[in-house]
Structure formats: C-alpha cells, structure tokens
Amino acid sequence: MPSRILLISANRCTAPDPVFPLGLAHINAALRTAGHETRWLDRLSNLGTLVTALKEFQPDLVGISLRNIDDVLIRQREKFYDELAPFTATIRQHSQAPVVLGGSGFSIFPEKLLALTGADYGIAGEGEPGMLALVEALKNGGDFSRVPGLVHRRDGKIVVNLSAPGPLELELTAADRPPEIARTYLAASDTLNLQTQRGCHFLCCYCTYPVIEGKINRRRPPEIVAAELENLRQQGAKFVFIVDSVFNSTPRHVTEICEAILRRNIKISWGCFLRPRGLTAELMDLMARAGLTHIEFGTDSFSDVTLQTYAKHFTFADVLESSELARQRKIDYCHFLICGGPGETLATLQEGFENSLRLKNTAIMAVVGMRIYPGTPLFAQAVAEGVVRAAADLLAPAYYLAPGLTEEIIFAKLREFSQRSPSWIAGDPLPGYQELVQRLRKRGVAGPLWSYLSTAQRLWQPTPK
C-alpha cells in the first residue's frame, strides 16, 4: 500500500537568488517511482500553510529538507536551522506522522540537529535509499538498523547508520518539480537547476562535499541528464545551473554530457562550477557549443603558496590559462576566493591582488575567513592549533583565520583592492546594485548577475585619487 509523504523545503536563503530545492526533487522521483504519493510545501513559495497541508493531505510521514546551516559570512552569521524545532512542534500538534530531517545542511550535523529539533528521524548523506527504506520500515515494522544513513534514537543515544549510495539512473520529470513551486524560482531569475554527478574526489581542506556525497565521483547517465535539461527548458527555464561540486571532474564526463546535449539539439544557456585545471581549448569549445555561458571557478586564492595550503592542487598559471580559455570564447566567468585560510599572509593577499590584474573581464567574489565544519581537514588543523576544541559546537559558526591576520585586517585589504580594481567584490553590494538587478530581471536577463556587479562598481564607486 502506498504511503503519503509531505515534503517540506525549509530553505529561506535568497541571496544571491532563491535556489529551487533540487534535493527534494530527487527524493520525490524515488518516492514517485516506488508508487508513493507526495505533496510539497516550500518556504519560499508561500503556497499554503503547514497546518493546512497537514489537515488536507494527512501524511503518513513528513520530510523536512535543510539546505544551508548558515550564510557562511563571517560578519552576518545568519542561521537557517532555527525554524526546524518550531516546524517539528507544529507538526506534532496537528499530525501523528513521524518527522524525518534531511538535506545537505542536516547531513553535516545530523546528531546535533536531531537532538535540537526533536524530530523522530533523519537521513544523513544521500537521501533516496534511506527515505525509501525508512518508509518501508515504518509501514512493515522493519529493522531500522538496516536503513542507510538513518539517524535515530537507540537505547537513549542518537546513532547514525552508515549511508549507502543509490542508483543515479532516475530521470526527473515535471512531476518532480511541481509547476506551482517551480514558478516561484522562474519568476525570480528564469533559472532552474540539475545535477550530473555526485561525490567529489578533490581534497580542498574546508569542503563538505566529500562528507555529504562521498569521495568517489558517481555519474548520472548523459542521456538522462540531457533529457532532464530539455524538460527544464519546457518548464520555462531560460537558464540552468549545474550544481555539481565540480562539473569538470574528468574530461570524459564533460565530453559525454555535452555530446548528449548536442545530439538532442537542446538550445538553452547553462552555467556550472569548474575547477581551473585540466581545461583545454577543445573542451571549452565543446561546452560553449552545448550552451555554456557562465562559469563560476572555485579558485579560492590567486597565490600559489595559499593554494598549496588549501590543498587545491593547481596553480595561478592554471587559473590564468582557464580564464583566458573562457574569455576568448566570450563565456562570462568569475572567481570565488576565500581570504585568510591556512597559509594566508598579507604578502599572499597582496600577491593574489597583483596576479588578479592579469585576469581580464572577470568578477572576483571574495569572502573573509574559512568556515570550519566537522569531518574536514580544516577541522583537524583548527583543533591541532587550538582554534576550536574537538568537542566544539560548530552549529554556531566558527571561522579559521591564519595566525597574524584578523577579520578587520583582511577586510581593509579587500576594500583597498576593490578601490583599485572594480573586478574585486567584497562586502555588501553598492546601493545602486539592487536597482540594477531589478531592471535586468524585468528586461528578461536570466542566470547569474555577478558580471554586472563589477559594472555597477565601475559606475557607482568613486575613482581613488
């Protein structure tokens, strides 16, 4: 007998744009394929209330997805998990359905968030296998110890089962992106998203992708990815962002995905995260022909010394070469930097700025401090250096700053850089930027707008004397 599952996206982060809850879409596809009935509630769509959904749908299980823990900004430190406990309490008042938590944010702090919220269960890591197994266990009285990734209480303690990767052959359809929900995100930026692979074998010292998805790249079938891209176009998306941690995990992966898109003759613009190493003219040409228009490079630093201590395993020469490959093909690109992490000094910051002047037509998005997450190499280093305790509650954001640097010192340097080069974006946007964003969206400009942010700085920022 099928079960009724209410799926809730608890995300309320809208900067720089609201992001469609893709994880729920994958959970929905797995449940739909197994014959279960689902209904969605999305915090950003404002379509109905939780109480109404509980009364009308009368679910057998309620799943809540937490995408982000906080904003990862050292000065603002906005939390996004504080509504989970009230959500759970409301569900308790109006339904007997068990509550299960999941999502990328939850998967970083599964024990803490289950205890904090009072939810019945959680699924850490990949959600589809665990969710399907949990539904069956609840219905048939099965063994919870065999549910992959299940976070649950046993003998007065919270325990976490080993997660297990599931098959990636399911194709998401419009049924897995409810049109009434998708319209909210299309109205904001004409953008939807898709995933082409899971897992990350790279070793960036701070990154949680290997913690959440595993360290082995697992690829979705290229023809299924291409079919899904066409489906997004049919749903009204003018731009699609590929959410993989790194799209160019291997040249073969990029080649096979792009060739599948070209075989179907899909005409839609898309963007992705790329690693600035291993790119060639041929590979960039292929991506451009397949529709690539925007690249977000996870560069982190323009100094070779800092890149080495961040465990990035590429150099500024790679960054410069990759940037030129994009620029020559008129593909918009930006670089994201993390300033102040292990190995950073005033000298490496200055070196990074001088190197940045060799990059043309780019935007440089710089943040201060490296957010410390459990299970990462950065956490081990921070404990060894006495920055945090091994038992620290990292739900309250903690940031690593290299010895000799402070938040104030780094922000002062970034302000200096942004005054000398409008490509550098640090701190809050200039006053005219939001007006520019609204005008561009009204004119139908889809996708990321960071390339316009440096233009705004050129227009509104006084020229230094």
Protein backbone atom coordinates (compact mmCIF):
# COMPACT_ATOMS: atom_id res chain seq x y z
CA MET A 1 0.00 0.00 0.00
CA PRO A 2 1.48 3.39 -0.95
CA SER A 3 2.30 5.97 1.70
CA ARG A 4 1.58 9.70 1.68
CA ILE A 5 4.69 11.80 2.26
CA LEU A 6 4.66 15.56 2.79
CA LEU A 7 7.97 17.05 1.57
CA ILE A 8 8.99 20.42 3.01
CA SER A 9 11.77 22.72 1.82
CA ALA A 10 12.81 24.72 4.87
CA ASN A 11 15.29 26.88 2.94
CA ARG A 12 14.78 30.62 3.25
CA CYS A 13 18.10 31.84 1.86
CA THR A 14 17.52 34.07 -1.20
CA ALA A 15 20.98 35.54 -1.80
CA PRO A 16 22.06 35.99 -4.49
CA ASP A 17 18.93 34.29 -5.90
CA PRO A 18 16.47 31.74 -4.49
CA VAL A 19 17.53 28.20 -5.45
CA PHE A 20 15.00 25.53 -6.37
CA PRO A 21 15.10 22.63 -3.82
CA LEU A 22 16.67 20.07 -6.15
CA GLY A 23 17.33 17.55 -3.38
CA LEU A 24 13.58 17.26 -2.75
CA ALA A 25 13.02 16.71 -6.45
CA HIS A 26 15.34 13.69 -6.37
CA ILE A 27 13.59 12.34 -3.26
CA ASN A 28 10.26 12.91 -4.97
CA ALA A 29 11.37 10.96 -8.05
CA ALA A 30 12.41 7.99 -5.92
CA LEU A 31 9.15 8.01 -3.95
CA ARG A 32 7.04 8.50 -7.09
CA THR A 33 8.76 5.65 -8.87
CA ALA A 34 8.13 3.41 -5.86
CA GLY A 35 4.42 4.21 -6.05
CA HIS A 36 4.10 6.61 -3.11
CA GLU A 37 2.08 9.84 -3.10
CA THR A 38 3.78 13.14 -2.34
CA ARG A 39 2.87 16.73 -1.68
CA TRP A 40 5.22 19.72 -1.37
CA LEU A 41 5.43 22.71 0.92
CA ASP A 42 8.07 25.30 0.08
CA ARG A 43 9.09 28.08 2.48
CA LEU A 44 9.92 30.49 -0.35
CA SER A 45 6.84 29.83 -2.46
CA ASN A 46 4.26 30.80 0.18
CA LEU A 47 1.67 28.46 -1.34
CA GLY A 48 -0.42 27.31 1.61
CA THR A 49 0.50 26.80 5.23
CA LEU A 50 1.93 23.86 7.12
CA VAL A 51 -1.25 23.37 9.15
CA THR A 52 -3.43 23.38 6.04
CA ALA A 53 -1.17 20.88 4.29
CA LEU A 54 -1.23 18.55 7.31
CA LYS A 55 -5.02 18.67 7.59
CA GLU A 56 -5.74 18.28 3.88
CA PHE A 57 -3.08 15.73 2.97
CA GLN A 58 -2.95 13.75 6.24
CA PRO A 59 0.56 12.43 5.57
CA ASP A 60 1.98 9.18 6.85
CA LEU A 61 5.43 10.80 7.02
CA VAL A 62 6.74 14.36 6.91
CA GLY A 63 10.19 15.01 5.42
CA ILE A 64 11.94 18.35 6.01
CA SER A 65 14.97 19.31 3.91
CA LEU A 66 17.58 21.72 5.26
CA ARG A 67 19.84 23.07 2.52
CA ASN A 68 22.04 25.53 4.45
CA ILE A 69 23.21 25.78 8.05
CA ASP A 70 24.14 29.47 7.80
CA ASP A 71 25.19 32.11 5.29
CA VAL A 72 28.95 31.38 5.61
CA LEU A 73 29.62 35.11 6.04
CA ILE A 74 31.87 35.98 8.95
CA ARG A 75 30.15 39.29 9.72
CA GLN A 76 26.48 38.42 9.24
CA ARG A 77 26.32 34.82 10.53
CA GLU A 78 22.65 34.32 9.69
CA LYS A 79 21.36 30.91 10.78
CA PHE A 80 18.90 28.86 8.71
CA TYR A 81 18.18 25.91 11.02
CA ASP A 82 16.42 27.75 13.83
CA GLU A 83 12.94 27.14 12.40
CA LEU A 84 13.27 23.34 12.39
CA ALA A 85 12.24 22.94 16.03
CA PRO A 86 9.07 25.12 15.66
CA PHE A 87 8.24 23.26 12.43
CA THR A 88 8.51 19.95 14.24
CA ALA A 89 6.41 21.21 17.15
CA THR A 90 3.65 22.38 14.78
CA ILE A 91 3.61 19.01 13.05
CA ARG A 92 3.30 17.30 16.42
CA GLN A 93 0.24 19.44 17.25
CA HIS A 94 -1.64 18.62 14.05
CA SER A 95 -0.45 15.20 12.93
CA GLN A 96 0.67 11.81 14.18
CA ALA A 97 3.08 11.46 11.26
CA PRO A 98 6.74 10.89 12.12
CA VAL A 99 9.11 13.70 11.16
CA VAL A 100 12.32 12.94 9.26
CA LEU A 101 15.04 15.52 8.55
CA GLY A 102 17.43 15.52 5.61
CA GLY A 103 19.30 17.70 3.16
CA SER A 104 22.89 18.82 2.78
CA GLY A 105 22.81 21.10 5.82
CA PHE A 106 21.37 18.41 8.06
CA SER A 107 23.93 15.87 6.83
CA ILE A 108 26.81 17.93 8.26
CA PHE A 109 25.34 17.99 11.79
CA PRO A 110 22.94 15.02 11.94
CA GLU A 111 23.14 14.15 15.66
CA LYS A 112 23.05 17.76 16.85
CA LEU A 113 20.10 18.76 14.66
CA LEU A 114 18.05 15.67 15.52
CA ALA A 115 18.55 16.39 19.22
CA LEU A 116 17.90 20.11 18.81
CA THR A 117 14.68 19.74 16.84
CA GLY A 118 13.12 16.70 18.50
CA ALA A 119 12.42 15.16 15.10
CA ASP A 120 11.87 11.40 15.00
CA TYR A 121 14.43 10.51 12.34
CA GLY A 122 16.96 11.91 9.96
CA ILE A 123 18.69 10.78 6.79
CA ALA A 124 22.37 11.74 6.58
CA GLY A 125 24.01 11.82 3.17
CA GLU A 126 22.28 10.56 0.06
CA GLY A 127 18.57 10.66 0.73
CA GLU A 128 16.84 8.38 -1.76
CA PRO A 129 17.92 4.93 -0.47
CA GLY A 130 17.37 5.88 3.17
CA MET A 131 14.00 7.53 2.58
CA LEU A 132 12.63 4.55 0.65
CA ALA A 133 13.89 2.09 3.25
CA LEU A 134 12.50 4.18 6.12
CA VAL A 135 9.05 4.36 4.54
CA GLU A 136 9.03 0.57 4.20
CA ALA A 137 10.34 0.04 7.73
CA LEU A 138 7.65 2.29 9.22
CA LYS A 139 4.94 0.56 7.22
CA ASN A 140 6.05 -3.01 7.81
CA GLY A 141 7.83 -2.85 11.13
CA GLY A 142 11.23 -3.44 9.58
CA ASP A 143 14.70 -3.23 11.06
CA PHE A 144 15.78 0.41 11.41
CA SER A 145 19.42 -0.65 11.73
CA ARG A 146 19.34 -1.57 8.03
CA VAL A 147 18.07 1.82 6.81
CA PRO A 148 21.01 3.56 5.03
CA GLY A 149 22.07 6.83 6.63
CA LEU A 150 19.28 6.72 9.22
CA VAL A 151 19.75 9.00 12.23
CA HIS A 152 17.66 7.68 15.10
CA ARG A 153 17.47 7.10 18.82
CA ARG A 154 18.50 3.77 20.27
CA ASP A 155 18.97 2.93 23.96
CA GLY A 156 18.87 6.60 24.89
CA LYS A 157 21.51 7.62 22.34
CA ILE A 158 21.39 9.10 18.85
CA VAL A 159 23.07 6.82 16.34
CA VAL A 160 23.82 7.26 12.65
CA ASN A 161 23.71 4.29 10.29
CA LEU A 162 26.24 4.02 7.50
CA SER A 163 24.97 5.70 4.36
CA ALA A 164 24.84 3.89 1.05
CA PRO A 165 24.98 5.35 -2.45
CA GLY A 166 21.88 4.76 -4.51
CA PRO A 167 21.37 4.38 -8.25
CA LEU A 168 21.53 7.60 -10.27
CA GLU A 169 19.52 6.39 -13.26
CA LEU A 170 16.22 8.02 -12.30
CA GLU A 171 15.12 10.80 -14.64
CA LEU A 172 13.46 13.78 -13.00
CA THR A 173 10.32 14.97 -14.78
CA ALA A 174 7.94 17.88 -14.34
CA ALA A 175 6.16 15.76 -11.73
CA ASP A 176 9.27 16.08 -9.57
CA ARG A 177 9.36 19.85 -9.92
CA PRO A 178 5.77 20.86 -9.13
CA PRO A 179 4.91 23.68 -11.56
CA GLU A 180 3.37 25.84 -8.84
CA ILE A 181 6.67 25.62 -6.92
CA ALA A 182 8.94 25.98 -9.95
CA ARG A 183 7.13 29.18 -10.96
CA THR A 184 8.42 30.92 -7.83
CA TYR A 185 12.02 30.35 -8.87
CA LEU A 186 11.43 31.07 -12.53
CA ALA A 187 9.81 34.37 -11.58
CA ALA A 188 12.91 35.34 -9.63
CA SER A 189 15.62 34.54 -12.17
CA ASP A 190 14.25 32.34 -15.00
CA THR A 191 16.61 29.69 -13.60
CA LEU A 192 16.28 26.06 -12.55
CA ASN A 193 19.00 23.54 -11.71
CA LEU A 194 20.16 19.98 -12.26
CA GLN A 195 22.84 17.58 -11.08
CA THR A 196 25.01 15.47 -13.37
CA GLN A 197 27.08 13.57 -10.77
CA ARG A 198 27.63 13.06 -7.04
CA GLY A 199 30.71 12.73 -4.90
CA CYS A 200 33.99 14.64 -5.03
CA HIS A 201 37.48 13.19 -5.10
CA PHE A 202 39.27 16.51 -4.72
CA LEU A 203 40.87 17.41 -1.39
CA CYS A 204 40.07 21.07 -0.64
CA CYS A 205 40.78 21.44 3.07
CA TYR A 206 37.49 23.05 4.09
CA CYS A 207 34.98 21.31 1.83
CA THR A 208 31.95 19.30 2.99
CA TYR A 209 31.06 17.75 -0.37
CA PRO A 210 33.08 14.57 0.35
CA VAL A 211 31.41 14.41 3.78
CA ILE A 212 27.90 14.69 2.32
CA GLU A 213 28.21 12.88 -1.03
CA GLY A 214 31.30 10.71 -0.60
CA LYS A 215 34.77 10.83 -2.12
CA ILE A 216 34.04 8.83 -5.27
CA ASN A 217 32.53 10.51 -8.33
CA ARG A 218 29.38 8.75 -9.50
CA ARG A 219 27.95 9.92 -12.80
CA ARG A 220 24.36 10.14 -13.94
CA PRO A 221 23.78 8.73 -17.44
CA PRO A 222 24.41 11.51 -20.00
CA GLU A 223 21.21 10.82 -21.95
CA ILE A 224 19.15 11.18 -18.76
CA VAL A 225 20.89 14.47 -17.95
CA ALA A 226 20.19 15.77 -21.46
CA ALA A 227 16.54 14.69 -21.27
CA GLU A 228 16.22 16.47 -17.94
CA LEU A 229 17.75 19.63 -19.39
CA GLU A 230 15.18 19.57 -22.18
CA ASN A 231 12.44 19.10 -19.59
CA LEU A 232 13.65 22.20 -17.72
CA ARG A 233 13.52 24.19 -20.93
CA GLN A 234 9.96 23.02 -21.49
CA GLN A 235 9.06 24.09 -17.95
CA GLY A 236 10.09 27.64 -18.82
CA ALA A 237 13.71 27.86 -17.67
CA LYS A 238 15.86 30.21 -19.75
CA PHE A 239 18.97 29.29 -17.79
CA VAL A 240 20.04 26.15 -15.92
CA PHE A 241 22.75 25.88 -13.32
CA ILE A 242 24.58 22.58 -12.86
CA VAL A 243 25.04 22.16 -9.12
CA ASP A 244 27.84 19.56 -9.14
CA SER A 245 30.66 20.44 -6.76
CA VAL A 246 32.93 20.45 -9.85
CA PHE A 247 31.44 19.80 -13.28
CA ASN A 248 34.81 19.03 -14.88
CA SER A 249 35.59 16.14 -12.55
CA THR A 250 37.01 14.38 -15.62
CA PRO A 251 37.28 15.38 -19.30
CA ARG A 252 35.26 12.28 -20.19
CA HIS A 253 32.35 13.37 -18.02
CA VAL A 254 32.23 16.84 -19.58
CA THR A 255 32.54 15.42 -23.09
CA GLU A 256 29.78 12.83 -22.72
CA ILE A 257 27.32 15.26 -21.11
CA CYS A 258 27.92 17.94 -23.75
CA GLU A 259 27.70 15.48 -26.63
CA ALA A 260 24.35 14.21 -25.27
CA ILE A 261 23.07 17.81 -25.18
CA LEU A 262 24.21 18.42 -28.74
CA ARG A 263 22.67 15.19 -30.01
CA ARG A 264 19.30 16.39 -28.75
CA ASN A 265 19.92 19.88 -30.16
CA ILE A 266 18.84 21.48 -26.87
CA LYS A 267 19.00 25.26 -27.04
CA ILE A 268 19.37 26.63 -23.52
CA SER A 269 22.07 28.56 -21.66
CA TRP A 270 23.67 26.98 -18.64
CA GLY A 271 26.39 27.54 -16.07
CA CYS A 272 28.43 25.44 -13.68
CA PHE A 273 31.24 25.29 -11.16
CA LEU A 274 34.55 24.50 -12.85
CA ARG A 275 37.96 23.65 -11.45
CA PRO A 276 40.57 25.86 -13.15
CA ARG A 277 42.81 22.99 -14.16
CA GLY A 278 42.77 20.41 -16.94
CA LEU A 279 40.70 22.55 -19.28
CA THR A 280 41.64 22.65 -22.95
CA ALA A 281 40.57 24.70 -25.94
CA GLU A 282 38.75 21.66 -27.32
CA LEU A 283 36.87 21.05 -24.08
CA MET A 284 35.90 24.70 -23.71
CA ASP A 285 34.75 24.83 -27.33
CA LEU A 286 32.58 21.77 -26.74
CA MET A 287 30.98 23.25 -23.62
CA ALA A 288 30.33 26.52 -25.42
CA ARG A 289 28.63 24.71 -28.32
CA ALA A 290 26.48 22.81 -25.81
CA GLY A 291 25.25 26.05 -24.26
CA LEU A 292 27.73 27.04 -21.53
CA THR A 293 27.54 30.80 -20.92
CA HIS A 294 28.64 31.25 -17.27
CA ILE A 295 31.48 29.72 -15.26
CA GLU A 296 31.98 30.00 -11.50
CA PHE A 297 35.57 29.00 -10.76
CA GLY A 298 36.18 27.64 -7.26
CA THR A 299 39.64 29.19 -7.23
CA ASP A 300 39.93 30.26 -3.55
CA SER A 301 43.25 32.14 -3.98
CA PHE A 302 45.50 33.70 -6.61
CA SER A 303 48.65 32.88 -4.63
CA ASP A 304 50.44 29.58 -5.22
CA VAL A 305 51.54 29.43 -1.58
CA THR A 306 47.97 29.69 -0.34
CA LEU A 307 46.63 27.36 -3.00
CA GLN A 308 49.03 24.72 -1.76
CA THR A 309 47.98 25.04 1.88
CA TYR A 310 44.31 24.99 0.83
CA ALA A 311 45.09 21.65 -0.93
CA LYS A 312 43.75 22.92 -4.24
CA HIS A 313 46.37 21.13 -6.38
CA PHE A 314 46.53 23.76 -9.09
CA THR A 315 48.48 26.99 -9.57
CA PHE A 316 47.78 30.55 -10.63
CA ALA A 317 49.17 29.65 -14.04
CA ASP A 318 46.30 27.15 -14.34
CA VAL A 319 43.85 29.83 -13.21
CA LEU A 320 45.14 32.30 -15.80
CA GLU A 321 45.04 29.74 -18.60
CA SER A 322 41.49 28.60 -17.73
CA SER A 323 40.28 32.19 -17.51
CA GLU A 324 41.72 33.01 -20.92
CA LEU A 325 40.06 29.97 -22.46
CA ALA A 326 36.71 31.25 -21.18
CA ARG A 327 37.30 34.89 -22.13
CA GLN A 328 38.37 34.07 -25.67
CA ARG A 329 35.04 32.28 -26.19
CA LYS A 330 33.06 35.14 -24.66
CA ILE A 331 31.91 32.97 -21.74
CA ASP A 332 31.22 35.02 -18.61
CA TYR A 333 33.28 33.84 -15.69
CA CYS A 334 34.02 34.75 -12.09
CA HIS A 335 36.38 33.57 -9.38
CA PHE A 336 35.38 32.85 -5.79
CA LEU A 337 38.09 33.48 -3.20
CA ILE A 338 38.41 32.60 0.49
CA CYS A 339 40.77 35.07 2.12
CA GLY A 340 42.52 34.30 5.39
CA GLY A 341 42.60 30.50 5.43
CA PRO A 342 45.63 28.33 6.28
CA GLY A 343 48.88 29.74 4.97
CA GLU A 344 47.44 33.16 4.14
CA THR A 345 49.52 36.25 4.95
CA LEU A 346 49.44 39.90 3.99
CA ALA A 347 52.10 39.03 1.42
CA THR A 348 49.98 36.28 -0.20
CA LEU A 349 46.94 38.57 -0.23
CA GLN A 350 48.99 41.25 -1.99
CA GLU A 351 50.43 38.68 -4.39
CA GLY A 352 46.92 37.50 -5.16
CA PHE A 353 45.80 41.02 -5.96
CA GLU A 354 48.75 41.68 -8.26
CA ASN A 355 48.09 38.40 -10.05
CA SER A 356 44.39 39.27 -10.40
CA LEU A 357 45.30 42.26 -12.56
CA ARG A 358 46.38 39.78 -15.24
CA LEU A 359 42.80 38.46 -15.46
CA LYS A 360 40.55 40.21 -17.96
CA ASN A 361 36.78 40.78 -17.85
CA THR A 362 36.20 38.84 -14.65
CA ALA A 363 34.39 39.31 -11.37
CA ILE A 364 36.20 38.31 -8.18
CA MET A 365 33.94 37.40 -5.26
CA ALA A 366 35.98 37.44 -2.05
CA VAL A 367 34.88 36.32 1.42
CA VAL A 368 36.82 36.58 4.67
CA GLY A 369 37.61 33.59 6.86
CA MET A 370 37.18 29.88 6.26
CA ARG A 371 34.08 28.31 7.84
CA ILE A 372 35.07 25.30 9.95
CA TYR A 373 32.95 22.16 9.52
CA PRO A 374 33.34 18.80 11.26
CA GLY A 375 34.85 15.96 9.29
CA THR A 376 37.08 18.20 7.16
CA PRO A 377 40.89 18.50 7.16
CA LEU A 378 40.44 22.14 8.22
CA PHE A 379 38.65 20.99 11.38
CA ALA A 380 41.55 18.71 12.32
CA GLN A 381 44.01 21.54 11.73
CA ALA A 382 41.93 24.01 13.73
CA VAL A 383 41.77 21.59 16.66
CA ALA A 384 45.53 20.96 16.50
CA GLU A 385 46.20 24.71 16.52
CA GLY A 386 43.76 25.38 19.35
CA VAL A 387 41.42 27.47 17.20
CA VAL A 388 38.46 25.29 18.27
CA ARG A 389 38.02 22.44 20.71
CA ALA A 390 37.48 18.92 19.43
CA ALA A 391 34.05 18.95 21.08
CA ALA A 392 33.12 22.44 19.84
CA ASP A 393 29.53 23.03 18.80
CA LEU A 394 30.17 24.15 15.24
CA LEU A 395 26.50 24.79 14.57
CA ALA A 396 27.45 28.19 15.91
CA PRO A 397 29.73 29.27 13.05
CA ALA A 398 33.45 29.24 13.74
CA TYR A 399 35.95 30.59 11.25
CA TYR A 400 39.62 29.92 10.68
CA LEU A 401 41.87 32.94 10.23
CA ALA A 402 45.57 32.38 9.68
CA PRO A 403 47.89 33.47 12.50
CA GLY A 404 48.71 37.16 12.27
CA LEU A 405 45.52 38.04 10.39
CA THR A 406 42.26 39.39 11.72
CA GLU A 407 38.87 39.97 10.18
CA GLU A 408 39.46 43.74 10.25
CA ILE A 409 42.89 43.50 8.61
CA ILE A 410 41.61 41.34 5.74
CA PHE A 411 38.51 43.46 5.11
CA ALA A 412 40.71 46.55 4.98
CA LYS A 413 42.90 44.92 2.33
CA LEU A 414 39.87 43.83 0.31
CA ARG A 415 38.46 47.37 0.41
CA GLU A 416 41.81 48.60 -0.87
CA PHE A 417 41.75 46.02 -3.67
CA SER A 418 38.17 46.85 -4.70
CA GLN A 419 39.05 50.55 -4.87
CA ARG A 420 41.99 49.78 -7.14
CA SER A 421 40.11 47.26 -9.29
CA PRO A 422 36.32 47.11 -9.78
CA SER A 423 36.62 43.40 -10.50
CA TRP A 424 37.03 42.79 -6.77
CA ILE A 425 33.72 42.42 -4.93
CA ALA A 426 33.95 42.43 -1.13
CA GLY A 427 31.37 43.31 1.48
CA ASP A 428 27.86 44.50 0.79
CA PRO A 429 26.85 45.48 -2.77
CA LEU A 430 26.82 49.14 -3.65
CA PRO A 431 23.48 50.97 -3.26
CA GLY A 432 22.69 51.02 -6.96
CA TYR A 433 23.15 47.29 -7.44
CA GLN A 434 19.71 46.12 -6.32
CA GLU A 435 18.05 48.65 -8.61
CA LEU A 436 20.22 47.36 -11.45
CA VAL A 437 19.23 43.77 -10.65
CA GLN A 438 15.52 44.60 -10.77
CA ARG A 439 15.91 46.38 -14.10
CA LEU A 440 17.85 43.49 -15.61
CA ARG A 441 15.31 40.90 -14.45
CA LYS A 442 12.45 42.97 -15.86
CA ARG A 443 14.28 43.00 -19.19
CA GLY A 444 14.42 39.19 -19.10
CA VAL A 445 18.10 38.74 -18.21
CA ALA A 446 18.38 35.21 -16.80
CA GLY A 447 21.03 33.45 -14.77
CA PRO A 448 23.80 34.85 -12.55
CA LEU A 449 24.27 38.60 -12.41
CA TRP A 450 27.74 38.77 -10.83
CA SER A 451 29.21 40.01 -14.10
CA TYR A 452 27.03 43.12 -13.71
CA LEU A 453 28.25 43.69 -10.15
CA SER A 454 31.70 44.77 -11.29
CA THR A 455 30.00 47.01 -13.85
CA ALA A 456 27.99 48.56 -11.01
CA GLN A 457 31.21 49.20 -9.09
CA ARG A 458 32.68 50.95 -12.11
CA LEU A 459 29.58 53.16 -12.37
CA TRP A 460 28.96 53.98 -8.72
CA GLN A 461 32.29 53.74 -6.97
CA PRO A 462 34.41 56.91 -6.84
CA THR A 463 37.76 56.64 -8.58
CA PRO A 464 40.58 56.66 -5.97
CA LYS A 465 42.90 59.65 -6.10
